[in-house]
C-alpha atoms as a PDB file:
ATOM      1  CA  UNK A   1     -24.992 -26.662-144.543  1.00  0.00           C
ATOM      2  CA  UNK A   2     -22.776 -23.761-143.479  1.00  0.00           C
ATOM      3  CA  UNK A   3     -21.858 -23.425-139.808  1.00  0.00           C
ATOM      4  CA  UNK A   4     -23.360 -19.926-139.804  1.00  0.00           C
ATOM      5  CA  UNK A   5     -26.764 -21.393-140.701  1.00  0.00           C
ATOM      6  CA  UNK A   6     -27.141 -23.298-137.420  1.00  0.00           C
ATOM      7  CA  UNK A   7     -29.068 -21.614-134.618  1.00  0.00           C
ATOM      8  CA  UNK A   8     -26.505 -20.035-132.287  1.00  0.00           C
ATOM      9  CA  UNK A   9     -28.364 -20.859-129.078  1.00  0.00           C
ATOM     10  CA  UNK A  10     -28.693 -24.514-130.086  1.00  0.00           C
ATOM     11  CA  UNK A  11     -24.992 -24.692-130.947  1.00  0.00           C
ATOM     12  CA  UNK A  12     -24.141 -23.130-127.588  1.00  0.00           C
ATOM     13  CA  UNK A  13     -26.175 -25.712-125.651  1.00  0.00           C
ATOM     14  CA  UNK A  14     -24.642 -28.588-127.634  1.00  0.00           C
ATOM     15  CA  UNK A  15     -21.178 -27.134-127.065  1.00  0.00           C
ATOM     16  CA  UNK A  16     -21.791 -27.023-123.315  1.00  0.00           C
ATOM     17  CA  UNK A  17     -22.792 -30.693-123.380  1.00  0.00           C
ATOM     18  CA  UNK A  18     -19.691 -31.673-125.356  1.00  0.00           C
ATOM     19  CA  UNK A  19     -17.488 -29.611-123.037  1.00  0.00           C
ATOM     20  CA  UNK A  20     -18.833 -31.569-120.056  1.00  0.00           C
ATOM     21  CA  UNK A  21     -17.804 -34.771-121.808  1.00  0.00           C
ATOM     22  CA  UNK A  22     -14.367 -33.356-122.600  1.00  0.00           C
ATOM     23  CA  UNK A  23     -13.888 -32.193-118.994  1.00  0.00           C
ATOM     24  CA  UNK A  24     -14.787 -35.677-117.762  1.00  0.00           C
ATOM     25  CA  UNK A  25     -12.152 -37.088-120.119  1.00  0.00           C
ATOM     26  CA  UNK A  26      -9.547 -34.498-119.070  1.00  0.00           C
ATOM     27  CA  UNK A  27     -10.080 -35.105-115.348  1.00  0.00           C
ATOM     28  CA  UNK A  28      -9.703 -38.862-115.799  1.00  0.00           C
ATOM     29  CA  UNK A  29      -6.606 -38.553-117.952  1.00  0.00           C
ATOM     30  CA  UNK A  30      -4.674 -35.730-116.313  1.00  0.00           C
ATOM     31  CA  UNK A  31      -6.132 -34.960-112.863  1.00  0.00           C
ATOM     32  CA  UNK A  32      -7.103 -38.261-111.261  1.00  0.00           C
ATOM     33  CA  UNK A  33      -4.357 -40.241-109.541  1.00  0.00           C
ATOM     34  CA  UNK A  34      -2.860 -42.889-111.791  1.00  0.00           C
ATOM     35  CA  UNK A  35      -1.277 -46.210-110.804  1.00  0.00           C
ATOM     36  CA  UNK A  36       2.495 -46.557-110.889  1.00  0.00           C
ATOM     37  CA  UNK A  37       4.388 -49.802-111.617  1.00  0.00           C
ATOM     38  CA  UNK A  38       6.502 -51.237-108.775  1.00  0.00           C
ATOM     39  CA  UNK A  39       9.975 -49.659-108.948  1.00  0.00           C
ATOM     40  CA  UNK A  40       8.843 -47.977-112.180  1.00  0.00           C
ATOM     41  CA  UNK A  41       9.749 -51.177-114.009  1.00  0.00           C
ATOM     42  CA  UNK A  42       7.661 -53.450-116.256  1.00  0.00           C
ATOM     43  CA  UNK A  43       8.667 -56.624-118.070  1.00  0.00           C
ATOM     44  CA  UNK A  44       7.993 -57.695-121.642  1.00  0.00           C
ATOM     45  CA  UNK A  45       8.185 -61.446-122.343  1.00  0.00           C
ATOM     46  CA  UNK A  46       9.350 -62.607-125.743  1.00  0.00           C
ATOM     47  CA  UNK A  47      11.074 -65.402-127.650  1.00  0.00           C
ATOM     48  CA  UNK A  48      14.705 -65.647-128.757  1.00  0.00           C
ATOM     49  CA  UNK A  49      13.744 -64.263-132.181  1.00  0.00           C
ATOM     50  CA  UNK A  50      11.743 -61.539-130.427  1.00  0.00           C
ATOM     51  CA  UNK A  51      14.567 -60.260-128.225  1.00  0.00           C
ATOM     52  CA  UNK A  52      16.957 -60.385-131.174  1.00  0.00           C
ATOM     53  CA  UNK A  53      14.662 -58.140-133.191  1.00  0.00           C
ATOM     54  CA  UNK A  54      14.032 -55.730-130.295  1.00  0.00           C
ATOM     55  CA  UNK A  55      17.713 -55.248-129.551  1.00  0.00           C
ATOM     56  CA  UNK A  56      19.047 -55.175-133.116  1.00  0.00           C
ATOM     57  CA  UNK A  57      16.286 -52.997-134.584  1.00  0.00           C
ATOM     58  CA  UNK A  58      15.736 -50.863-131.446  1.00  0.00           C
ATOM     59  CA  UNK A  59      11.966 -51.246-131.685  1.00  0.00           C
ATOM     60  CA  UNK A  60       9.018 -53.014-130.081  1.00  0.00           C
ATOM     61  CA  UNK A  61       6.011 -54.429-131.887  1.00  0.00           C
ATOM     62  CA  UNK A  62       2.449 -53.690-130.813  1.00  0.00           C
ATOM     63  CA  UNK A  63       0.306 -56.501-132.174  1.00  0.00           C
ATOM     64  CA  UNK A  64      -3.284 -56.150-133.328  1.00  0.00           C
ATOM     65  CA  UNK A  65      -5.417 -56.879-130.278  1.00  0.00           C
ATOM     66  CA  UNK A  66      -7.523 -59.331-132.254  1.00  0.00           C
ATOM     67  CA  UNK A  67      -4.505 -61.579-132.936  1.00  0.00           C
ATOM     68  CA  UNK A  68      -3.089 -61.953-129.429  1.00  0.00           C
ATOM     69  CA  UNK A  69      -2.572 -65.383-127.888  1.00  0.00           C
ATOM     70  CA  UNK A  70      -5.952 -64.888-126.205  1.00  0.00           C
ATOM     71  CA  UNK A  71      -7.839 -62.600-128.574  1.00  0.00           C
ATOM     72  CA  UNK A  72     -11.040 -63.259-126.604  1.00  0.00           C
ATOM     73  CA  UNK A  73      -9.763 -60.848-123.958  1.00  0.00           C
ATOM     74  CA  UNK A  74     -10.660 -57.927-126.237  1.00  0.00           C
ATOM     75  CA  UNK A  75     -14.161 -59.244-126.883  1.00  0.00           C
ATOM     76  CA  UNK A  76     -14.440 -59.744-123.109  1.00  0.00           C
ATOM     77  CA  UNK A  77     -14.476 -55.983-122.562  1.00  0.00           C
ATOM     78  CA  UNK A  78     -17.059 -55.416-125.291  1.00  0.00           C
ATOM     79  CA  UNK A  79     -19.317 -58.116-123.864  1.00  0.00           C
ATOM     80  CA  UNK A  80     -19.052 -56.794-120.309  1.00  0.00           C
ATOM     81  CA  UNK A  81     -19.863 -53.254-121.427  1.00  0.00           C
ATOM     82  CA  UNK A  82     -22.946 -54.456-123.288  1.00  0.00           C
ATOM     83  CA  UNK A  83     -24.218 -56.312-120.203  1.00  0.00           C
ATOM     84  CA  UNK A  84     -23.539 -53.369-117.891  1.00  0.00           C
ATOM     85  CA  UNK A  85     -25.350 -51.052-120.289  1.00  0.00           C
ATOM     86  CA  UNK A  86     -28.366 -53.388-120.296  1.00  0.00           C
ATOM     87  CA  UNK A  87     -28.309 -53.335-116.493  1.00  0.00           C
ATOM     88  CA  UNK A  88     -28.016 -49.536-116.454  1.00  0.00           C
ATOM     89  CA  UNK A  89     -30.966 -49.147-118.803  1.00  0.00           C
ATOM     90  CA  UNK A  90     -33.067 -51.536-116.696  1.00  0.00           C
ATOM     91  CA  UNK A  91     -32.333 -49.523-113.555  1.00  0.00           C
ATOM     92  CA  UNK A  92     -32.657 -46.130-115.270  1.00  0.00           C
ATOM     93  CA  UNK A  93     -35.693 -46.327-117.577  1.00  0.00           C
ATOM     94  CA  UNK A  94     -36.232 -43.462-120.004  1.00  0.00           C
ATOM     95  CA  UNK A  95     -39.101 -42.521-122.333  1.00  0.00           C
ATOM     96  CA  UNK A  96     -38.916 -44.049-125.813  1.00  0.00           C
ATOM     97  CA  UNK A  97     -38.271 -40.666-127.391  1.00  0.00           C
ATOM     98  CA  UNK A  98     -35.463 -39.820-124.931  1.00  0.00           C
ATOM     99  CA  UNK A  99     -32.134 -38.798-126.463  1.00  0.00           C
ATOM    100  CA  UNK A 100     -30.408 -40.559-123.559  1.00  0.00           C
ATOM    101  CA  UNK A 101     -32.148 -43.833-124.414  1.00  0.00           C
ATOM    102  CA  UNK A 102     -31.356 -43.431-128.111  1.00  0.00           C
ATOM    103  CA  UNK A 103     -27.682 -42.793-127.394  1.00  0.00           C
ATOM    104  CA  UNK A 104     -27.506 -45.764-125.000  1.00  0.00           C
ATOM    105  CA  UNK A 105     -29.066 -48.072-127.572  1.00  0.00           C
ATOM    106  CA  UNK A 106     -26.679 -46.909-130.247  1.00  0.00           C
ATOM    107  CA  UNK A 107     -23.728 -47.579-127.924  1.00  0.00           C
ATOM    108  CA  UNK A 108     -25.109 -51.039-127.219  1.00  0.00           C
ATOM    109  CA  UNK A 109     -25.369 -51.753-130.926  1.00  0.00           C
ATOM    110  CA  UNK A 110     -21.825 -50.587-131.597  1.00  0.00           C
ATOM    111  CA  UNK A 111     -20.334 -52.636-128.770  1.00  0.00           C
ATOM    112  CA  UNK A 112     -22.636 -55.560-129.567  1.00  0.00           C
ATOM    113  CA  UNK A 113     -24.143 -56.460-132.918  1.00  0.00           C
ATOM    114  CA  UNK A 114     -21.977 -54.110-135.014  1.00  0.00           C
ATOM    115  CA  UNK A 115     -18.814 -55.679-133.604  1.00  0.00           C
ATOM    116  CA  UNK A 116     -19.244 -58.472-136.135  1.00  0.00           C
ATOM    117  CA  UNK A 117     -19.063 -56.000-139.010  1.00  0.00           C
ATOM    118  CA  UNK A 118     -15.598 -55.486-140.454  1.00  0.00           C
ATOM    119  CA  UNK A 119     -15.934 -51.687-140.638  1.00  0.00           C
ATOM    120  CA  UNK A 120     -17.018 -51.475-136.986  1.00  0.00           C
ATOM    121  CA  UNK A 121     -13.901 -53.106-135.538  1.00  0.00           C
ATOM    122  CA  UNK A 122     -11.564 -50.333-134.443  1.00  0.00           C
ATOM    123  CA  UNK A 123      -7.825 -50.950-135.009  1.00  0.00           C
ATOM    124  CA  UNK A 124      -6.184 -51.473-131.619  1.00  0.00           C
ATOM    125  CA  UNK A 125      -2.568 -52.561-131.122  1.00  0.00           C
ATOM    126  CA  UNK A 126      -1.133 -53.783-127.836  1.00  0.00           C
ATOM    127  CA  UNK A 127       2.323 -54.326-126.379  1.00  0.00           C
ATOM    128  CA  UNK A 128       1.974 -56.341-123.183  1.00  0.00           C
ATOM    129  CA  UNK A 129       4.056 -56.210-119.996  1.00  0.00           C
ATOM    130  CA  UNK A 130       3.988 -57.791-116.527  1.00  0.00           C
ATOM    131  CA  UNK A 131       4.948 -56.472-113.110  1.00  0.00           C
ATOM    132  CA  UNK A 132       6.987 -59.656-112.459  1.00  0.00           C
ATOM    133  CA  UNK A 133       9.888 -60.836-114.595  1.00  0.00           C
ATOM    134  CA  UNK A 134       9.890 -64.526-113.684  1.00  0.00           C
ATOM    135  CA  UNK A 135       6.359 -65.875-114.177  1.00  0.00           C
ATOM    136  CA  UNK A 136       5.858 -69.579-114.822  1.00  0.00           C
ATOM    137  CA  UNK A 137       2.782 -68.901-116.974  1.00  0.00           C
ATOM    138  CA  UNK A 138       4.800 -66.628-119.249  1.00  0.00           C
ATOM    139  CA  UNK A 139       7.704 -69.059-119.495  1.00  0.00           C
ATOM    140  CA  UNK A 140       5.221 -71.736-120.529  1.00  0.00           C
ATOM    141  CA  UNK A 141       4.149 -69.470-123.382  1.00  0.00           C
ATOM    142  CA  UNK A 142       7.607 -68.290-124.449  1.00  0.00           C
ATOM    143  CA  UNK A 143      10.236 -70.381-122.697  1.00  0.00           C
ATOM    144  CA  UNK A 144       9.971 -73.631-124.616  1.00  0.00           C
ATOM    145  CA  UNK A 145      11.656 -72.013-127.610  1.00  0.00           C
ATOM    146  CA  UNK A 146      14.032 -69.873-125.539  1.00  0.00           C
ATOM    147  CA  UNK A 147      12.170 -67.182-123.630  1.00  0.00           C
ATOM    148  CA  UNK A 148      13.322 -63.846-122.214  1.00  0.00           C
ATOM    149  CA  UNK A 149      11.851 -61.007-120.204  1.00  0.00           C
ATOM    150  CA  UNK A 150      13.068 -57.469-120.792  1.00  0.00           C
ATOM    151  CA  UNK A 151      12.646 -54.920-118.021  1.00  0.00           C
ATOM    152  CA  UNK A 152      11.633 -51.452-119.229  1.00  0.00           C
ATOM    153  CA  UNK A 153      11.958 -48.244-117.244  1.00  0.00           C
ATOM    154  CA  UNK A 154       8.553 -46.613-116.915  1.00  0.00           C
ATOM    155  CA  UNK A 155       8.565 -43.020-115.597  1.00  0.00           C
ATOM    156  CA  UNK A 156       5.903 -42.193-112.972  1.00  0.00           C
ATOM    157  CA  UNK A 157       4.170 -39.786-115.355  1.00  0.00           C
ATOM    158  CA  UNK A 158       4.370 -42.117-118.355  1.00  0.00           C
ATOM    159  CA  UNK A 159       0.652 -41.848-119.127  1.00  0.00           C
ATOM    160  CA  UNK A 160       1.031 -38.108-119.646  1.00  0.00           C
ATOM    161  CA  UNK A 161       4.606 -37.547-120.771  1.00  0.00           C
ATOM    162  CA  UNK A 162       5.263 -40.717-122.749  1.00  0.00           C
ATOM    163  CA  UNK A 163       7.154 -43.896-122.000  1.00  0.00           C
ATOM    164  CA  UNK A 164      10.466 -43.551-123.798  1.00  0.00           C
ATOM    165  CA  UNK A 165       8.967 -44.888-127.002  1.00  0.00           C
ATOM    166  CA  UNK A 166       6.127 -43.904-129.310  1.00  0.00           C
ATOM    167  CA  UNK A 167       4.102 -45.443-132.135  1.00  0.00           C
ATOM    168  CA  UNK A 168       5.541 -44.975-135.576  1.00  0.00           C
ATOM    169  CA  UNK A 169       2.140 -44.151-137.166  1.00  0.00           C
ATOM    170  CA  UNK A 170       1.785 -40.389-137.121  1.00  0.00           C
ATOM    171  CA  UNK A 171      -1.965 -40.508-136.454  1.00  0.00           C
ATOM    172  CA  UNK A 172      -1.829 -42.971-133.548  1.00  0.00           C
ATOM    173  CA  UNK A 173      -1.185 -42.330-129.867  1.00  0.00           C
ATOM    174  CA  UNK A 174      -0.027 -44.724-127.159  1.00  0.00           C
ATOM    175  CA  UNK A 175      -0.977 -44.876-123.488  1.00  0.00           C
ATOM    176  CA  UNK A 176      -0.110 -47.138-120.585  1.00  0.00           C
ATOM    177  CA  UNK A 177      -3.014 -49.021-119.023  1.00  0.00           C
ATOM    178  CA  UNK A 178      -2.919 -51.279-115.983  1.00  0.00           C
ATOM    179  CA  UNK A 179      -5.170 -54.277-116.559  1.00  0.00           C
ATOM    180  CA  UNK A 180      -8.177 -54.611-114.245  1.00  0.00           C
ATOM    181  CA  UNK A 181      -9.239 -58.199-113.481  1.00  0.00           C
ATOM    182  CA  UNK A 182     -12.021 -57.718-110.903  1.00  0.00           C
ATOM    183  CA  UNK A 183     -15.358 -57.943-112.708  1.00  0.00           C
ATOM    184  CA  UNK A 184     -17.253 -55.956-110.071  1.00  0.00           C
ATOM    185  CA  UNK A 185     -14.727 -53.110-110.375  1.00  0.00           C
ATOM    186  CA  UNK A 186     -14.963 -53.265-114.166  1.00  0.00           C
ATOM    187  CA  UNK A 187     -18.752 -52.949-113.933  1.00  0.00           C
ATOM    188  CA  UNK A 188     -18.483 -50.099-111.416  1.00  0.00           C
ATOM    189  CA  UNK A 189     -16.244 -48.120-113.776  1.00  0.00           C
ATOM    190  CA  UNK A 190     -18.652 -48.535-116.669  1.00  0.00           C
ATOM    191  CA  UNK A 191     -21.622 -47.561-114.490  1.00  0.00           C
ATOM    192  CA  UNK A 192     -19.742 -44.428-113.393  1.00  0.00           C
ATOM    193  CA  UNK A 193     -19.261 -43.382-117.028  1.00  0.00           C
ATOM    194  CA  UNK A 194     -22.920 -43.959-117.854  1.00  0.00           C
ATOM    195  CA  UNK A 195     -24.084 -42.131-114.711  1.00  0.00           C
ATOM    196  CA  UNK A 196     -22.013 -39.082-115.611  1.00  0.00           C
ATOM    197  CA  UNK A 197     -22.193 -38.886-119.393  1.00  0.00           C
ATOM    198  CA  UNK A 198     -25.562 -40.298-120.430  1.00  0.00           C
ATOM    199  CA  UNK A 199     -27.458 -38.211-117.908  1.00  0.00           C
ATOM    200  CA  UNK A 200     -26.173 -35.046-119.610  1.00  0.00           C
ATOM    201  CA  UNK A 201     -28.806 -35.643-122.285  1.00  0.00           C
ATOM    202  CA  UNK A 202     -31.695 -35.873-119.832  1.00  0.00           C
ATOM    203  CA  UNK A 203     -31.869 -32.083-119.867  1.00  0.00           C
ATOM    204  CA  UNK A 204     -34.718 -31.314-122.304  1.00  0.00           C
ATOM    205  CA  UNK A 205     -33.153 -28.120-123.664  1.00  0.00           C
ATOM    206  CA  UNK A 206     -29.864 -29.907-124.350  1.00  0.00           C
ATOM    207  CA  UNK A 207     -31.647 -32.807-126.045  1.00  0.00           C
ATOM    208  CA  UNK A 208     -33.728 -30.458-128.180  1.00  0.00           C
ATOM    209  CA  UNK A 209     -30.668 -28.440-129.224  1.00  0.00           C
ATOM    210  CA  UNK A 210     -28.658 -31.513-130.243  1.00  0.00           C
ATOM    211  CA  UNK A 211     -31.599 -32.827-132.238  1.00  0.00           C
ATOM    212  CA  UNK A 212     -32.027 -29.418-133.893  1.00  0.00           C
ATOM    213  CA  UNK A 213     -28.425 -29.049-135.079  1.00  0.00           C
ATOM    214  CA  UNK A 214     -28.323 -32.677-136.248  1.00  0.00           C
ATOM    215  CA  UNK A 215     -25.175 -33.210-138.297  1.00  0.00           C
ATOM    216  CA  UNK A 216     -23.203 -30.181-137.078  1.00  0.00           C
ATOM    217  CA  UNK A 217     -19.581 -31.311-137.720  1.00  0.00           C
ATOM    218  CA  UNK A 218     -18.139 -29.913-134.473  1.00  0.00           C
ATOM    219  CA  UNK A 219     -20.796 -30.420-131.794  1.00  0.00           C
ATOM    220  CA  UNK A 220     -23.507 -32.466-133.492  1.00  0.00           C
ATOM    221  CA  UNK A 221     -24.895 -35.823-132.411  1.00  0.00           C
ATOM    222  CA  UNK A 222     -22.293 -37.936-134.209  1.00  0.00           C
ATOM    223  CA  UNK A 223     -19.441 -35.913-132.710  1.00  0.00           C
ATOM    224  CA  UNK A 224     -20.906 -36.454-129.227  1.00  0.00           C
ATOM    225  CA  UNK A 225     -21.442 -40.159-129.898  1.00  0.00           C
ATOM    226  CA  UNK A 226     -17.805 -40.559-131.020  1.00  0.00           C
ATOM    227  CA  UNK A 227     -16.560 -38.797-127.883  1.00  0.00           C
ATOM    228  CA  UNK A 228     -18.554 -41.038-125.526  1.00  0.00           C
ATOM    229  CA  UNK A 229     -17.559 -44.145-127.492  1.00  0.00           C
ATOM    230  CA  UNK A 230     -13.888 -43.178-127.288  1.00  0.00           C
ATOM    231  CA  UNK A 231     -14.036 -42.827-123.495  1.00  0.00           C
ATOM    232  CA  UNK A 232     -15.730 -46.220-123.132  1.00  0.00           C
ATOM    233  CA  UNK A 233     -13.257 -47.921-125.461  1.00  0.00           C
ATOM    234  CA  UNK A 234     -10.345 -46.450-123.517  1.00  0.00           C
ATOM    235  CA  UNK A 235     -11.815 -47.970-120.361  1.00  0.00           C
ATOM    236  CA  UNK A 236     -12.671 -51.479-121.500  1.00  0.00           C
ATOM    237  CA  UNK A 237      -9.418 -52.123-123.378  1.00  0.00           C
ATOM    238  CA  UNK A 238      -7.806 -52.599-119.960  1.00  0.00           C
ATOM    239  CA  UNK A 239     -10.352 -55.232-118.811  1.00  0.00           C
ATOM    240  CA  UNK A 240      -9.427 -58.909-118.671  1.00  0.00           C
ATOM    241  CA  UNK A 241     -10.861 -62.100-117.210  1.00  0.00           C
ATOM    242  CA  UNK A 242      -9.820 -62.673-113.597  1.00  0.00           C
ATOM    243  CA  UNK A 243      -8.360 -66.062-114.549  1.00  0.00           C
ATOM    244  CA  UNK A 244      -5.303 -64.137-115.790  1.00  0.00           C
ATOM    245  CA  UNK A 245      -4.784 -61.982-112.689  1.00  0.00           C
ATOM    246  CA  UNK A 246      -1.498 -63.691-111.776  1.00  0.00           C
ATOM    247  CA  UNK A 247       0.061 -61.880-114.747  1.00  0.00           C
ATOM    248  CA  UNK A 248      -0.418 -58.403-113.182  1.00  0.00           C
ATOM    249  CA  UNK A 249      -0.417 -57.111-116.716  1.00  0.00           C
ATOM    250  CA  UNK A 250       0.083 -53.598-118.041  1.00  0.00           C
ATOM    251  CA  UNK A 251      -0.244 -52.758-121.681  1.00  0.00           C
ATOM    252  CA  UNK A 252       0.680 -50.011-124.073  1.00  0.00           C
ATOM    253  CA  UNK A 253      -2.483 -49.332-126.044  1.00  0.00           C
ATOM    254  CA  UNK A 254      -1.877 -47.926-129.513  1.00  0.00           C
ATOM    255  CA  UNK A 255      -4.864 -46.623-131.435  1.00  0.00           C
ATOM    256  CA  UNK A 256      -6.353 -43.646-133.204  1.00  0.00           C
ATOM    257  CA  UNK A 257      -8.062 -41.651-130.461  1.00  0.00           C
ATOM    258  CA  UNK A 258     -10.945 -39.278-130.889  1.00  0.00           C
ATOM    259  CA  UNK A 259     -10.051 -37.062-127.925  1.00  0.00           C
ATOM    260  CA  UNK A 260      -6.252 -37.233-128.020  1.00  0.00           C
ATOM    261  CA  UNK A 261      -4.649 -36.239-131.283  1.00  0.00           C
ATOM    262  CA  UNK A 262      -0.989 -36.804-132.004  1.00  0.00           C
ATOM    263  CA  UNK A 263       0.941 -33.596-132.680  1.00  0.00           C
ATOM    264  CA  UNK A 264       2.160 -34.851-136.056  1.00  0.00           C
ATOM    265  CA  UNK A 265      -1.306 -35.828-137.270  1.00  0.00           C
ATOM    266  CA  UNK A 266      -1.584 -34.623-140.864  1.00  0.00           C
ATOM    267  CA  UNK A 267      -5.182 -35.610-141.414  1.00  0.00           C
ATOM    268  CA  UNK A 268      -4.403 -38.991-142.922  1.00  0.00           C
ATOM    269  CA  UNK A 269      -2.226 -37.755-145.766  1.00  0.00           C
ATOM    270  CA  UNK A 270       0.672 -39.973-144.723  1.00  0.00           C
ATOM    271  CA  UNK A 271      -0.017 -43.704-145.246  1.00  0.00           C
ATOM    272  CA  UNK A 272      -0.236 -45.743-142.048  1.00  0.00           C
ATOM    273  CA  UNK A 273       3.047 -47.637-141.470  1.00  0.00           C
ATOM    274  CA  UNK A 274       1.458 -51.041-140.926  1.00  0.00           C
ATOM    275  CA  UNK A 275       3.495 -54.247-140.921  1.00  0.00           C
ATOM    276  CA  UNK A 276       2.699 -57.952-141.010  1.00  0.00           C
ATOM    277  CA  UNK A 277       4.172 -61.138-139.645  1.00  0.00           C
ATOM    278  CA  UNK A 278       3.019 -64.736-139.718  1.00  0.00           C
ATOM    279  CA  UNK A 279       1.942 -66.724-136.666  1.00  0.00           C
ATOM    280  CA  UNK A 280       0.186 -70.072-136.426  1.00  0.00           C
ATOM    281  CA  UNK A 281      -0.697 -70.015-140.091  1.00  0.00           C
ATOM    282  CA  UNK A 282      -2.167 -66.499-140.042  1.00  0.00           C
ATOM    283  CA  UNK A 283      -1.038 -63.079-141.223  1.00  0.00           C
ATOM    284  CA  UNK A 284      -0.829 -60.821-138.145  1.00  0.00           C
ATOM    285  CA  UNK A 285      -0.815 -56.991-138.396  1.00  0.00           C
ATOM    286  CA  UNK A 286       1.360 -54.903-136.090  1.00  0.00           C
ATOM    287  CA  UNK A 287       2.777 -51.405-135.677  1.00  0.00           C
ATOM    288  CA  UNK A 288       6.203 -50.414-134.441  1.00  0.00           C
ATOM    289  CA  UNK A 289       7.069 -48.639-131.196  1.00  0.00           C
ATOM    290  CA  UNK A 290      10.251 -46.653-131.653  1.00  0.00           C
ATOM    291  CA  UNK A 291      12.290 -44.477-129.220  1.00  0.00           C
ATOM    292  CA  UNK A 292      10.759 -41.068-128.560  1.00  0.00           C
ATOM    293  CA  UNK A 293      14.185 -39.632-129.305  1.00  0.00           C
ATOM    294  CA  UNK A 294      15.540 -41.336-132.458  1.00  0.00           C
ATOM    295  CA  UNK A 295      19.092 -40.760-131.205  1.00  0.00           C
ATOM    296  CA  UNK A 296      18.460 -42.864-128.086  1.00  0.00           C
ATOM    297  CA  UNK A 297      17.869 -46.507-127.300  1.00  0.00           C
ATOM    298  CA  UNK A 298      14.736 -48.126-125.951  1.00  0.00           C
ATOM    299  CA  UNK A 299      14.561 -47.694-122.144  1.00  0.00           C
ATOM    300  CA  UNK A 300      15.602 -51.270-121.345  1.00  0.00           C
ATOM    301  CA  UNK A 301      16.868 -51.643-117.777  1.00  0.00           C
ATOM    302  CA  UNK A 302      17.527 -55.392-117.423  1.00  0.00           C
ATOM    303  CA  UNK A 303      17.052 -58.807-119.006  1.00  0.00           C
ATOM    304  CA  UNK A 304      16.158 -62.203-117.586  1.00  0.00           C
ATOM    305  CA  UNK A 305      16.732 -65.430-119.486  1.00  0.00           C
ATOM    306  CA  UNK A 306      14.068 -68.101-119.238  1.00  0.00           C
ATOM    307  CA  UNK A 307      14.388 -71.528-117.609  1.00  0.00           C
ATOM    308  CA  UNK A 308      17.378 -73.440-118.981  1.00  0.00           C
ATOM    309  CA  UNK A 309      19.900 -76.049-117.916  1.00  0.00           C
ATOM    310  CA  UNK A 310      22.784 -73.586-118.250  1.00  0.00           C
ATOM    311  CA  UNK A 311      22.075 -69.996-117.189  1.00  0.00           C
ATOM    312  CA  UNK A 312      25.669 -68.931-117.841  1.00  0.00           C
ATOM    313  CA  UNK A 313      25.621 -69.931-121.508  1.00  0.00           C
ATOM    314  CA  UNK A 314      22.145 -68.405-121.977  1.00  0.00           C
ATOM    315  CA  UNK A 315      23.298 -65.069-120.525  1.00  0.00           C
ATOM    316  CA  UNK A 316      26.562 -64.953-122.466  1.00  0.00           C
ATOM    317  CA  UNK A 317      24.941 -64.528-125.861  1.00  0.00           C
ATOM    318  CA  UNK A 318      22.603 -61.826-124.492  1.00  0.00           C
ATOM    319  CA  UNK A 319      25.530 -59.879-123.001  1.00  0.00           C
ATOM    320  CA  UNK A 320      27.333 -59.958-126.336  1.00  0.00           C
ATOM    321  CA  UNK A 321      24.267 -58.883-128.319  1.00  0.00           C
ATOM    322  CA  UNK A 322      23.463 -56.024-125.914  1.00  0.00           C
ATOM    323  CA  UNK A 323      27.044 -54.770-126.039  1.00  0.00           C
ATOM    324  CA  UNK A 324      27.221 -54.907-129.827  1.00  0.00           C
ATOM    325  CA  UNK A 325      23.956 -52.978-130.239  1.00  0.00           C
ATOM    326  CA  UNK A 326      24.602 -50.133-127.814  1.00  0.00           C
ATOM    327  CA  UNK A 327      23.003 -51.501-124.633  1.00  0.00           C
ATOM    328  CA  UNK A 328      26.121 -51.995-122.475  1.00  0.00           C
ATOM    329  CA  UNK A 329      26.265 -52.872-118.795  1.00  0.00           C
ATOM    330  CA  UNK A 330      22.669 -54.051-118.437  1.00  0.00           C
ATOM    331  CA  UNK A 331      22.143 -56.688-115.729  1.00  0.00           C
ATOM    332  CA  UNK A 332      21.243 -60.119-117.114  1.00  0.00           C
ATOM    333  CA  UNK A 333      19.793 -62.703-114.743  1.00  0.00           C
ATOM    334  CA  UNK A 334      18.650 -66.257-115.232  1.00  0.00           C
ATOM    335  CA  UNK A 335      15.432 -67.913-114.104  1.00  0.00           C
ATOM    336  CA  UNK A 336      15.706 -70.522-111.371  1.00  0.00           C
ATOM    337  CA  UNK A 337      12.428 -72.181-112.351  1.00  0.00           C
ATOM    338  CA  UNK A 338      12.674 -75.818-113.464  1.00  0.00           C
ATOM    339  CA  UNK A 339      13.078 -76.270-117.207  1.00  0.00           C
ATOM    340  CA  UNK A 340      10.342 -78.898-117.277  1.00  0.00           C
ATOM    341  CA  UNK A 341       6.973 -77.359-118.112  1.00  0.00           C
END
């Protein structure tokens, strides 16, 4: 069907509805106050092999979210959203033929039953950081084989202007997200999205127009559904069980976004630069984070070596490797935590 064949008044009403969704997204991303890391510094924990690769190759790896040490943390956000949506529907009943109810049910299916389908799982890659550089829980995970934490400079406007590095895939974008651990706050955020976005479709004229234009490629129902889904996914990817709150985690979230397109996006003509490593007997997908300016180094500000019997020896090799690979004069400190885990 040609675009000119759709009723202009229906297209206009659907466009107004989509624009309200886009404004909501814009205000959250670029107008609302955003958190800032302490001293604009965040710390990435890694192994001896990990720091060697980061320094020598001048790149970070963002691992598929479904293969992290605790992959259940991703499913946690999906599960919470589904429960909050059920609660929202119970408190905000709609007629069976309501577009709002239909959209809500479709969201519930996508974040619920359809999650088990391979084609419904959206590729998400995460690089994880902590506010503190000397956490016992992180040393327990990385320190037994020689752990390190690398401090990265994070500019105050990193969420908007970038973070000194970018994803190598030309169709993916990366954003900083501070992890939220409080379940009541997580639920409040989801409720706020539902209260604002789903109620747009309570207007009978808007609902009729969207139903009338059906599969319009620019402002039709599926386009609206993708926009709402993208906003919800952006929110829940920063949710984590409160048992992990000591980590004070931030993460760089790399994914293909519906509402934020990378400037070099060529419509999928360039193959996705996807890489694989092995871990615990599995093949793990990852993407690379490379310096925003290829002529520069990653914005590493400092390094801490993990618990060891000899901090001097541990630091010496790091100093030499940093110097050799163009990271001179970075402070290297040692952990004073006991080496016994």
